[in-house]
C-alpha atoms as a PDB file:
ATOM      1  CA  MET A   1      24.874  17.605 -77.455  1.00  0.00           C
ATOM      2  CA  THR A   2      26.116  20.207 -75.260  1.00  0.00           C
ATOM      3  CA  THR A   3      26.059  19.878 -71.847  1.00  0.00           C
ATOM      4  CA  ASN A   4      26.444  22.809 -69.349  1.00  0.00           C
ATOM      5  CA  PRO A   5      29.245  23.215 -66.544  1.00  0.00           C
ATOM      6  CA  PRO A   6      28.046  22.651 -62.953  1.00  0.00           C
ATOM      7  CA  PRO A   7      27.726  26.301 -61.502  1.00  0.00           C
ATOM      8  CA  THR A   8      30.412  27.720 -59.807  1.00  0.00           C
ATOM      9  CA  VAL A   9      30.625  27.164 -55.903  1.00  0.00           C
ATOM     10  CA  PRO A  10      31.631  30.896 -54.246  1.00  0.00           C
ATOM     11  CA  THR A  11      34.975  30.437 -52.104  1.00  0.00           C
ATOM     12  CA  GLY A  12      34.546  29.302 -49.081  1.00  0.00           C
ATOM     13  CA  ALA A  13      30.994  28.272 -49.183  1.00  0.00           C
ATOM     14  CA  ASP A  14      31.948  24.532 -48.731  1.00  0.00           C
ATOM     15  CA  ARG A  15      33.353  25.467 -45.324  1.00  0.00           C
ATOM     16  CA  ARG A  16      30.073  27.045 -44.212  1.00  0.00           C
ATOM     17  CA  ILE A  17      27.468  24.594 -45.486  1.00  0.00           C
ATOM     18  CA  SER A  18      29.819  22.119 -43.512  1.00  0.00           C
ATOM     19  CA  ALA A  19      29.415  24.243 -40.381  1.00  0.00           C
ATOM     20  CA  LEU A  20      25.755  24.568 -40.584  1.00  0.00           C
ATOM     21  CA  LEU A  21      25.710  20.845 -41.665  1.00  0.00           C
ATOM     22  CA  ASP A  22      27.209  19.942 -38.332  1.00  0.00           C
ATOM     23  CA  ASP A  23      25.978  23.150 -35.850  1.00  0.00           C
ATOM     24  CA  GLY A  24      22.839  21.043 -36.874  1.00  0.00           C
ATOM     25  CA  LEU A  25      23.884  17.590 -36.097  1.00  0.00           C
ATOM     26  CA  ALA A  26      25.662  18.808 -33.442  1.00  0.00           C
ATOM     27  CA  ARG A  27      21.871  20.472 -31.819  1.00  0.00           C
ATOM     28  CA  HIS A  28      20.115  16.885 -32.974  1.00  0.00           C
ATOM     29  CA  ASP A  29      22.371  15.511 -30.915  1.00  0.00           C
ATOM     30  CA  ARG A  30      22.119  17.490 -27.813  1.00  0.00           C
ATOM     31  CA  THR A  31      18.485  17.430 -27.816  1.00  0.00           C
ATOM     32  CA  ARG A  32      18.382  13.645 -27.947  1.00  0.00           C
ATOM     33  CA  ARG A  33      20.491  13.241 -24.867  1.00  0.00           C
ATOM     34  CA  ARG A  34      18.637  16.104 -23.027  1.00  0.00           C
ATOM     35  CA  ARG A  35      14.906  14.006 -24.217  1.00  0.00           C
ATOM     36  CA  GLY A  36      16.921  11.038 -22.903  1.00  0.00           C
ATOM     37  CA  ARG A  37      17.588  12.337 -19.290  1.00  0.00           C
ATOM     38  CA  LEU A  38      14.712  13.805 -19.245  1.00  0.00           C
ATOM     39  CA  THR A  39      12.906  10.413 -19.969  1.00  0.00           C
ATOM     40  CA  ALA A  40      14.545   8.338 -17.373  1.00  0.00           C
ATOM     41  CA  VAL A  41      14.021  11.096 -14.569  1.00  0.00           C
ATOM     42  CA  ALA A  42      10.660  10.815 -15.555  1.00  0.00           C
ATOM     43  CA  ALA A  43       9.666   7.131 -15.153  1.00  0.00           C
ATOM     44  CA  GLY A  44      12.308   7.436 -12.290  1.00  0.00           C
ATOM     45  CA  ALA A  45      10.169   9.535 -10.408  1.00  0.00           C
ATOM     46  CA  SER A  46       7.304   6.945 -11.878  1.00  0.00           C
ATOM     47  CA  VAL A  47       8.372   3.927 -10.307  1.00  0.00           C
ATOM     48  CA  LEU A  48       9.125   5.688  -6.544  1.00  0.00           C
ATOM     49  CA  LEU A  49       6.086   7.435  -6.606  1.00  0.00           C
ATOM     50  CA  ALA A  50       4.117   4.305  -7.579  1.00  0.00           C
ATOM     51  CA  ALA A  51       6.506   2.384  -4.961  1.00  0.00           C
ATOM     52  CA  GLY A  52       5.376   5.133  -2.448  1.00  0.00           C
ATOM     53  CA  GLY A  53       1.709   4.921  -3.278  1.00  0.00           C
ATOM     54  CA  LEU A  54       1.595   0.940  -3.568  1.00  0.00           C
ATOM     55  CA  ALA A  55       3.318   1.329   0.350  1.00  0.00           C
ATOM     56  CA  TRP A  56       0.363   3.585   1.495  1.00  0.00           C
ATOM     57  CA  VAL A  57      -2.452   2.043  -0.302  1.00  0.00           C
ATOM     58  CA  THR A  58      -1.079  -1.393   0.841  1.00  0.00           C
ATOM     59  CA  LEU A  59      -0.723  -0.894   4.728  1.00  0.00           C
ATOM     60  CA  ALA A  60      -2.325   0.125   6.744  1.00  0.00           C
ATOM     61  CA  PRO A  61      -1.376   3.505   8.993  1.00  0.00           C
ATOM     62  CA  ARG A  62       0.701   2.183  12.324  1.00  0.00           C
ATOM     63  CA  THR A  63      -2.260   3.683  14.350  1.00  0.00           C
ATOM     64  CA  LEU A  64      -4.901   1.493  12.585  1.00  0.00           C
ATOM     65  CA  GLN A  65      -2.414  -1.767  12.977  1.00  0.00           C
ATOM     66  CA  THR A  66      -1.614  -1.048  16.530  1.00  0.00           C
ATOM     67  CA  ARG A  67      -5.266  -0.074  18.088  1.00  0.00           C
ATOM     68  CA  SER A  68      -8.164  -1.876  15.731  1.00  0.00           C
ATOM     69  CA  ALA A  69      -9.068  -5.066  14.453  1.00  0.00           C
ATOM     70  CA  TYR A  70     -11.355  -6.419  12.060  1.00  0.00           C
ATOM     71  CA  CYS A  71     -14.149  -9.038  13.977  1.00  0.00           C
ATOM     72  CA  TYR A  72     -15.740 -11.828  11.265  1.00  0.00           C
ATOM     73  CA  SER A  73     -18.976 -13.388  12.360  1.00  0.00           C
ATOM     74  CA  ALA A  74     -17.630 -16.648  10.670  1.00  0.00           C
ATOM     75  CA  ASP A  75     -14.386 -18.711   9.810  1.00  0.00           C
ATOM     76  CA  SER A  76     -13.946 -16.756   6.496  1.00  0.00           C
ATOM     77  CA  THR A  77     -12.941 -13.340   5.218  1.00  0.00           C
ATOM     78  CA  ASP A  78     -16.496 -13.407   2.878  1.00  0.00           C
ATOM     79  CA  SER A  79     -18.182 -13.529   6.187  1.00  0.00           C
ATOM     80  CA  ARG A  80     -19.899 -10.395   8.074  1.00  0.00           C
ATOM     81  CA  TYR A  81     -17.553  -8.248   9.924  1.00  0.00           C
ATOM     82  CA  THR A  82     -16.883  -5.349  12.194  1.00  0.00           C
ATOM     83  CA  GLN A  83     -13.675  -3.263  12.561  1.00  0.00           C
ATOM     84  CA  VAL A  84     -13.078  -2.241  16.499  1.00  0.00           C
ATOM     85  CA  GLY A  85     -10.682  -0.114  17.890  1.00  0.00           C
ATOM     86  CA  ILE A  86      -9.686   1.589  21.143  1.00  0.00           C
ATOM     87  CA  PRO A  87      -9.592   5.518  20.801  1.00  0.00           C
ATOM     88  CA  ASP A  88      -6.747   7.502  20.454  1.00  0.00           C
ATOM     89  CA  GLU A  89      -8.355   9.846  23.281  1.00  0.00           C
ATOM     90  CA  ALA A  90     -10.691   9.891  26.006  1.00  0.00           C
ATOM     91  CA  THR A  91     -12.729  12.369  27.861  1.00  0.00           C
ATOM     92  CA  GLY A  92     -12.570  11.754  32.159  1.00  0.00           C
ATOM     93  CA  PRO A  93     -15.383  12.728  34.706  1.00  0.00           C
ATOM     94  CA  ASP A  94     -13.433  16.188  34.882  1.00  0.00           C
ATOM     95  CA  GLY A  95     -14.063  17.074  31.538  1.00  0.00           C
ATOM     96  CA  ALA A  96     -10.164  16.609  30.829  1.00  0.00           C
ATOM     97  CA  THR A  97      -8.860  14.852  27.876  1.00  0.00           C
ATOM     98  CA  ARG A  98      -6.400  12.374  27.671  1.00  0.00           C
ATOM     99  CA  PRO A  99      -4.769  10.330  25.882  1.00  0.00           C
ATOM    100  CA  VAL A 100      -5.228   6.385  25.689  1.00  0.00           C
ATOM    101  CA  GLU A 101      -2.647   4.284  25.783  1.00  0.00           C
ATOM    102  CA  THR A 102      -1.616   1.871  22.742  1.00  0.00           C
ATOM    103  CA  PRO A 103      -2.149  -1.687  24.169  1.00  0.00           C
ATOM    104  CA  ALA A 104       1.346  -3.653  24.307  1.00  0.00           C
ATOM    105  CA  ASP A 105       0.064  -6.657  23.298  1.00  0.00           C
ATOM    106  CA  ARG A 106      -2.097  -6.383  20.067  1.00  0.00           C
ATOM    107  CA  VAL A 107      -3.479  -9.808  19.858  1.00  0.00           C
ATOM    108  CA  ALA A 108      -4.561  -9.739  23.598  1.00  0.00           C
ATOM    109  CA  SER A 109      -6.137  -6.371  22.808  1.00  0.00           C
ATOM    110  CA  ALA A 110      -7.944  -7.540  19.276  1.00  0.00           C
ATOM    111  CA  ILE A 111      -9.242 -10.734  21.231  1.00  0.00           C
ATOM    112  CA  ASP A 112     -10.544  -8.845  23.936  1.00  0.00           C
ATOM    113  CA  LEU A 113     -12.249  -5.878  21.266  1.00  0.00           C
ATOM    114  CA  CYS A 114     -14.124  -8.870  19.349  1.00  0.00           C
ATOM    115  CA  SER A 115     -15.064 -10.885  22.404  1.00  0.00           C
ATOM    116  CA  SER A 116     -17.190  -6.982  23.147  1.00  0.00           C
ATOM    117  CA  ALA A 117     -18.159  -7.024  19.996  1.00  0.00           C
ATOM    118  CA  TRP A 118     -19.766 -10.617  20.424  1.00  0.00           C
ATOM    119  CA  THR A 119     -21.109 -10.012  23.524  1.00  0.00           C
ATOM    120  CA  ALA A 120     -23.181  -6.892  21.987  1.00  0.00           C
ATOM    121  CA  GLY A 121     -24.226  -8.823  19.169  1.00  0.00           C
ATOM    122  CA  ILE A 122     -22.976  -7.350  16.438  1.00  0.00           C
ATOM    123  CA  LEU A 123     -21.668 -10.911  15.079  1.00  0.00           C
ATOM    124  CA  SER A 124     -24.306 -12.962  16.184  1.00  0.00           C
ATOM    125  CA  ASP A 125     -28.104 -13.391  17.317  1.00  0.00           C
ATOM    126  CA  SER A 126     -26.597 -14.789  20.563  1.00  0.00           C
ATOM    127  CA  THR A 127     -24.154 -12.854  23.089  1.00  0.00           C
ATOM    128  CA  GLY A 128     -21.756 -15.924  23.928  1.00  0.00           C
ATOM    129  CA  VAL A 129     -18.214 -15.394  22.754  1.00  0.00           C
ATOM    130  CA  PRO A 130     -16.575 -18.604  20.714  1.00  0.00           C
ATOM    131  CA  ALA A 131     -13.624 -19.609  20.985  1.00  0.00           C
ATOM    132  CA  LEU A 132     -11.253 -17.159  19.025  1.00  0.00           C
ATOM    133  CA  VAL A 133      -8.378 -17.112  16.471  1.00  0.00           C
ATOM    134  CA  VAL A 134      -6.146 -14.222  15.604  1.00  0.00           C
ATOM    135  CA  CYS A 135      -4.637 -13.739  12.283  1.00  0.00           C
ATOM    136  CA  THR A 136      -2.864 -10.836  10.210  1.00  0.00           C
ATOM    137  CA  ARG A 137      -4.181  -9.326   7.496  1.00  0.00           C
ATOM    138  CA  PRO A 138      -1.455  -7.967   4.143  1.00  0.00           C
ATOM    139  CA  ASP A 139      -1.871  -4.905   5.943  1.00  0.00           C
ATOM    140  CA  ASN A 140      -1.045  -5.714   8.675  1.00  0.00           C
ATOM    141  CA  VAL A 141      -4.178  -5.373  10.889  1.00  0.00           C
ATOM    142  CA  LEU A 142      -5.169  -8.300  12.951  1.00  0.00           C
ATOM    143  CA  ALA A 143      -8.183 -10.254  11.878  1.00  0.00           C
ATOM    144  CA  VAL A 144     -10.239 -12.345  14.780  1.00  0.00           C
ATOM    145  CA  PHE A 145     -12.038 -15.491  13.420  1.00  0.00           C
ATOM    146  CA  PRO A 146     -15.040 -17.639  15.738  1.00  0.00           C
ATOM    147  CA  ARG A 147     -13.504 -21.399  15.742  1.00  0.00           C
ATOM    148  CA  ASP A 148     -16.142 -23.744  15.201  1.00  0.00           C
ATOM    149  CA  PRO A 149     -16.210 -26.333  18.359  1.00  0.00           C
ATOM    150  CA  SER A 150     -15.361 -29.613  16.026  1.00  0.00           C
ATOM    151  CA  ASP A 151     -12.661 -27.411  13.542  1.00  0.00           C
ATOM    152  CA  ASP A 152      -9.365 -29.370  14.689  1.00  0.00           C
ATOM    153  CA  ARG A 153      -7.178 -26.880  12.767  1.00  0.00           C
ATOM    154  CA  THR A 154      -4.535 -25.099  14.299  1.00  0.00           C
ATOM    155  CA  ASP A 155      -4.337 -21.688  14.826  1.00  0.00           C
ATOM    156  CA  GLN A 156      -1.382 -21.433  12.213  1.00  0.00           C
ATOM    157  CA  LYS A 157      -3.560 -23.519   9.743  1.00  0.00           C
ATOM    158  CA  LEU A 158      -6.400 -21.782   9.918  1.00  0.00           C
ATOM    159  CA  CYS A 159      -5.132 -18.820   8.968  1.00  0.00           C
ATOM    160  CA  SER A 160      -3.018 -20.230   6.794  1.00  0.00           C
ATOM    161  CA  ASP A 161      -6.152 -21.632   4.914  1.00  0.00           C
ATOM    162  CA  LEU A 162      -7.548 -17.642   4.984  1.00  0.00           C
ATOM    163  CA  GLY A 163      -4.571 -16.782   2.759  1.00  0.00           C
ATOM    164  CA  LEU A 164      -3.470 -14.833   6.315  1.00  0.00           C
ATOM    165  CA  ALA A 165      -0.795 -14.929   8.931  1.00  0.00           C
ATOM    166  CA  PRO A 166      -0.600 -15.521  12.434  1.00  0.00           C
ATOM    167  CA  GLY A 167      -1.515 -13.091  14.368  1.00  0.00           C
ATOM    168  CA  ARG A 168       1.790 -11.803  15.628  1.00  0.00           C
END
């Protein structure tokens, strides 16, 4: 049995084949590195956007934190509530619009706003104002709850039992 000899390879073909393989491998490596960098940049941008979005959703705007409060009808976050606030501007008798100053003591302001809601009968059928406790919601807006006269918990304990921080 006779075997045919292998075909002869032209001179320099092995260098050309090696160069083509090296070029293909180099291109593949560049593409992998570029994809890796793009993936890292996209992941970083996603994390930043998610963190910013979470902060935006979690915290109420500064104006809402300082100029409004949630008034609850009972010492439970599941009770009926209304949100009250101070307007940004007021129109005087002369028709001129003037800014309304943000109160320096937001806890006192929240108690005053919620007392008005109780007096108006919004939170109860009666117009009496019970003793009020101020807590801070997770979004940093104040929450005002009525205190049951027979409840001997401190304000801090009441807020803690509701899963909230004391008013500040």
